[in-house]
Every structure is written in C-alpha cells, then in structure tokens.
Protein backbone atom coordinates (compact mmCIF):
# COMPACT_ATOMS: atom_id res chain seq x y z
CA MET A 1 1.23 -39.76 12.50
CA LEU A 2 -2.16 -39.56 10.76
CA GLN A 3 -5.10 -37.70 12.16
CA MET A 4 -8.66 -38.78 11.74
CA ASN A 5 -10.91 -36.45 9.80
CA LYS A 6 -13.53 -34.81 11.97
CA HIS A 7 -17.14 -34.98 10.91
CA TYR A 8 -19.16 -31.79 11.36
CA GLU A 9 -22.92 -31.53 11.38
CA PRO A 10 -24.51 -29.67 8.44
CA GLU A 11 -26.06 -27.13 10.85
CA PHE A 12 -22.60 -26.34 12.24
CA LYS A 13 -21.19 -25.90 8.74
CA LYS A 14 -24.08 -23.63 7.78
CA LYS A 15 -23.55 -21.57 10.94
CA ILE A 16 -19.85 -21.07 10.11
CA VAL A 17 -20.67 -20.14 6.49
CA HIS A 18 -23.30 -17.64 7.68
CA LEU A 19 -20.85 -16.07 10.13
CA HIS A 20 -18.36 -15.63 7.32
CA LEU A 21 -20.71 -14.39 4.61
CA GLU A 22 -23.33 -12.53 6.63
CA GLU A 23 -21.29 -10.96 9.42
CA GLY A 24 -18.07 -10.60 7.44
CA ARG A 25 -15.96 -12.57 9.93
CA THR A 26 -12.64 -13.79 8.58
CA ILE A 27 -11.94 -17.43 7.87
CA GLN A 28 -8.82 -17.28 10.02
CA GLY A 29 -10.77 -15.84 12.97
CA LEU A 30 -13.51 -18.45 12.66
CA ALA A 31 -10.94 -21.24 12.40
CA ALA A 32 -9.27 -20.11 15.61
CA GLU A 33 -12.56 -19.62 17.47
CA TYR A 34 -14.20 -22.91 16.51
CA SER A 35 -11.03 -25.06 16.21
CA VAL A 36 -11.70 -25.90 12.58
CA SER A 37 -9.10 -25.81 9.83
CA LYS A 38 -9.11 -22.86 7.44
CA ALA A 39 -9.24 -25.25 4.50
CA SER A 40 -12.44 -26.84 5.81
CA ILE A 41 -14.16 -23.49 6.19
CA SER A 42 -13.01 -22.42 2.71
CA ASN A 43 -14.41 -25.67 1.28
CA TRP A 44 -17.75 -25.15 3.05
CA VAL A 45 -18.02 -21.61 1.71
CA HIS A 46 -17.09 -22.82 -1.78
CA GLN A 47 -19.70 -25.60 -1.58
CA PHE A 48 -22.35 -23.13 -0.43
CA ARG A 49 -21.57 -20.80 -3.34
CA LYS A 50 -21.81 -23.72 -5.77
CA GLU A 51 -25.15 -24.69 -4.23
CA CYS A 52 -26.37 -21.13 -4.73
CA GLN A 53 -25.87 -21.48 -8.49
CA ILE A 54 -28.09 -24.57 -8.59
CA ASN A 55 -30.64 -24.04 -5.81
CA LYS A 56 -32.81 -20.89 -6.04
CA GLU A 57 -33.61 -20.97 -2.33
CA ALA A 58 -29.91 -21.06 -1.45
CA LYS A 59 -29.30 -18.25 -3.96
CA ALA A 60 -31.94 -16.10 -2.27
CA ASP A 61 -30.39 -16.91 1.12
CA TYR A 62 -26.93 -15.96 -0.17
CA ASP A 63 -28.22 -12.69 -1.66
CA SER A 64 -29.94 -11.77 1.59
CA MET A 65 -26.72 -12.48 3.52
CA LYS A 66 -24.73 -10.25 1.16
CA GLU A 67 -27.33 -7.48 1.44
CA ASN A 68 -27.40 -7.84 5.22
CA LEU A 69 -23.61 -7.56 5.41
CA LYS A 70 -23.66 -4.49 3.15
CA LEU A 71 -26.32 -2.83 5.31
CA LYS A 72 -24.43 -3.62 8.52
CA LYS A 73 -21.28 -2.03 7.12
CA GLN A 74 -23.25 1.00 5.98
CA LEU A 75 -24.89 1.35 9.41
CA ALA A 76 -21.52 1.08 11.16
CA GLU A 77 -20.06 3.77 8.86
CA LEU A 78 -23.01 6.10 9.50
CA GLN A 79 -22.76 5.59 13.26
CA LYS A 80 -19.06 6.34 13.06
CA GLU A 81 -19.77 9.48 11.05
CA ASN A 82 -22.44 10.56 13.54
CA ASP A 83 -20.08 10.08 16.51
CA PHE A 84 -17.40 11.98 14.63
CA LEU A 85 -19.69 14.94 13.99
CA LYS A 86 -20.71 15.01 17.66
CA LYS A 87 -17.12 14.90 18.88
CA SER A 88 -15.59 17.28 16.34
CA GLY A 89 -17.67 20.17 17.63
CA GLY A 90 -17.28 22.48 14.65
CA ILE A 91 -13.60 21.92 13.96
CA LEU A 92 -14.54 21.24 10.34
CA CYS A 93 -16.15 24.69 10.05
CA GLU A 94 -13.25 26.56 11.60
CA GLY A 95 -10.57 25.23 9.29
CA ASN A 96 -7.97 25.43 12.07
CA GLN A 97 -5.33 22.82 11.16
CA LEU A 98 -3.77 22.75 14.63
CA LYS A 99 -7.11 21.92 16.26
CA ALA A 100 -7.72 19.29 13.62
CA TYR A 101 -4.31 17.70 14.27
CA ARG A 102 -4.99 17.64 18.01
CA PHE A 103 -8.43 16.12 17.44
CA ILE A 104 -6.92 13.43 15.21
CA GLN A 105 -4.28 12.69 17.81
CA GLU A 106 -6.94 12.27 20.50
CA TYR A 107 -9.49 10.20 18.56
CA ASN A 108 -7.42 8.21 16.06
CA LYS A 109 -7.90 4.97 18.03
CA LYS A 110 -11.69 5.32 17.98
CA PHE A 111 -12.22 6.41 14.37
CA GLY A 112 -9.03 5.28 12.62
CA LEU A 113 -6.25 7.56 11.48
CA ARG A 114 -6.78 7.32 7.70
CA TRP A 115 -10.53 7.83 8.09
CA LEU A 116 -10.01 11.02 10.12
CA LEU A 117 -7.40 12.35 7.70
CA ARG A 118 -9.88 11.87 4.84
CA LYS A 119 -12.65 13.65 6.79
CA PHE A 120 -10.44 16.65 7.57
CA ASN A 121 -8.96 16.57 4.04
CA ILE A 122 -5.41 16.42 5.45
CA CYS A 123 -2.51 14.72 3.69
CA PRO A 124 -0.95 11.99 5.83
CA ASN A 125 2.48 13.53 5.23
CA ALA A 126 1.35 16.84 6.74
CA TYR A 127 -0.01 15.09 9.83
CA TYR A 128 3.19 13.09 10.34
CA ASN A 129 5.24 16.28 9.95
CA TYR A 130 3.11 17.81 12.70
CA LEU A 131 3.75 14.79 14.93
CA LYS A 132 7.50 14.97 14.38
CA LYS A 133 7.50 18.75 14.82
CA ARG A 134 9.60 19.11 11.68
CA LYS A 135 8.65 22.73 11.18
CA ALA A 136 9.35 23.81 14.78
CA ASN A 137 12.74 25.33 13.85
CA TYR A 138 11.19 27.12 10.88
CA HIS A 139 8.49 28.68 13.06
CA ARG A 140 11.00 29.59 15.78
CA ASN A 141 13.23 31.32 13.21
CA LYS A 142 10.25 33.09 11.67
CA ALA A 143 9.17 34.39 15.11
CA LYS A 144 12.73 35.61 15.77
CA ILE A 145 12.79 37.51 12.45
CA LYS A 146 9.38 39.07 13.20
CA LYS A 147 10.60 40.19 16.60
CA THR A 148 13.75 41.72 15.06
CA ILE A 149 11.67 43.54 12.42
CA ARG A 150 9.33 44.97 15.06
CA GLU A 151 12.23 46.11 17.24
CA LEU A 152 13.99 47.75 14.28
CA TYR A 153 10.78 49.39 13.09
CA HIS A 154 9.88 50.79 16.51
CA ALA A 155 13.47 51.79 17.34
CA HIS A 156 13.44 54.12 14.32
CA ASN A 157 9.87 55.36 14.87
CA GLY A 158 8.47 53.52 11.86
CA ALA A 159 10.84 55.12 9.35
CA PRO A 160 12.63 52.14 7.76
CA GLY A 161 10.96 50.53 4.79
CA TYR A 162 11.16 46.96 3.62
CA ARG A 163 14.42 47.51 1.70
CA ILE A 164 16.34 48.81 4.71
CA ILE A 165 14.89 46.09 6.94
CA HIS A 166 15.87 43.47 4.37
CA ILE A 167 19.44 44.79 4.19
CA TYR A 168 19.63 44.83 7.99
CA LEU A 169 18.42 41.20 8.23
CA CYS A 170 20.86 40.11 5.52
CA ARG A 171 23.78 41.73 7.37
CA LYS A 172 22.74 39.94 10.59
CA VAL A 173 22.59 36.69 8.53
CA MET A 174 18.99 36.02 9.53
CA ILE A 175 17.73 35.54 5.99
C-alpha cells in the first residue's frame, strides 16, 4: 500500500522550522502536534541551514533565532533562580543539611532535583541516603551510647574519665 506524498506550503514549513530553531521545540514533539513525519521536519531544517550558508538574509534570520533561543533559556534560568531564592528563605545561609533535604523533597518537581542538588552543593548519593534513611540505625545507636555515657557520668558524680567510660561501653558491647 503506497501513500501519496503530502505537499506543504512554504509558510507552514518555515513556521515548523522556526518553532524548532527559535523556541527549541523537539522534532518529535512537532511531528506529533502537526501530524508531519520527523524525516520531513529534519529535511526542512537541513534545507533551511543550507539556505543560510548561501543567503545572507536567511543567515541573519537564523542567527537571530539562535540568539532569541539562547536569551529565552537564559531568562527561564534566571526566573527559576529568582523563584528558588524567594522560596529557600535563607536555607543557603544556615547550612542546615536537614532543612535543605526537606526543601529539596518539597520543591524537586518545580525546580528539578539535579538543579537543586547543585544549588545546595549536595552530592546526589547523600540525598538518596537521606531518603532511604540509611543512617537511622547509626544515629539511634549513637543516641543510645550518649545516653549511657550521661547516665554513667552522673551516676558517679562526674568522676569517671573517658578511659573508664570506654571500658564500660566495651564490656556492654556497645562499641
């Protein structure tokens, strides 16, 4: 079964090429939206780029589209950064990792997880460890040891030093 080739108007082709080059839309997205094959759009973009090498007016148009796309991306990044600074409310200044993790958990859909991790200077591995609560047992054990040390210290009116406390903890198999 053979299909007939569709004929598209030059204005339509130019519109699709502009959407791809100027607004940064993907060829796949444009193909789905306008019911045009990806190969056709790729050919139109390729033809436009060839035309830019020959025609100075087309070259200027192409350069302005590239510059426009670059500026749009830069504006979007700055708006994102501005929203982030408004929402973070000084978490960056405090340096509190737990607050940073909670902030990332709350706003990762809006800003993007990797972007937030870069802004807070947090390794992805550390954040995922926080999510999985891998260190919960460590912190629970540490709190138990602290409690035992305090009880021992106060039970003997502050007399035992670190050596005696260490021996006591070793005998109780806490260390």
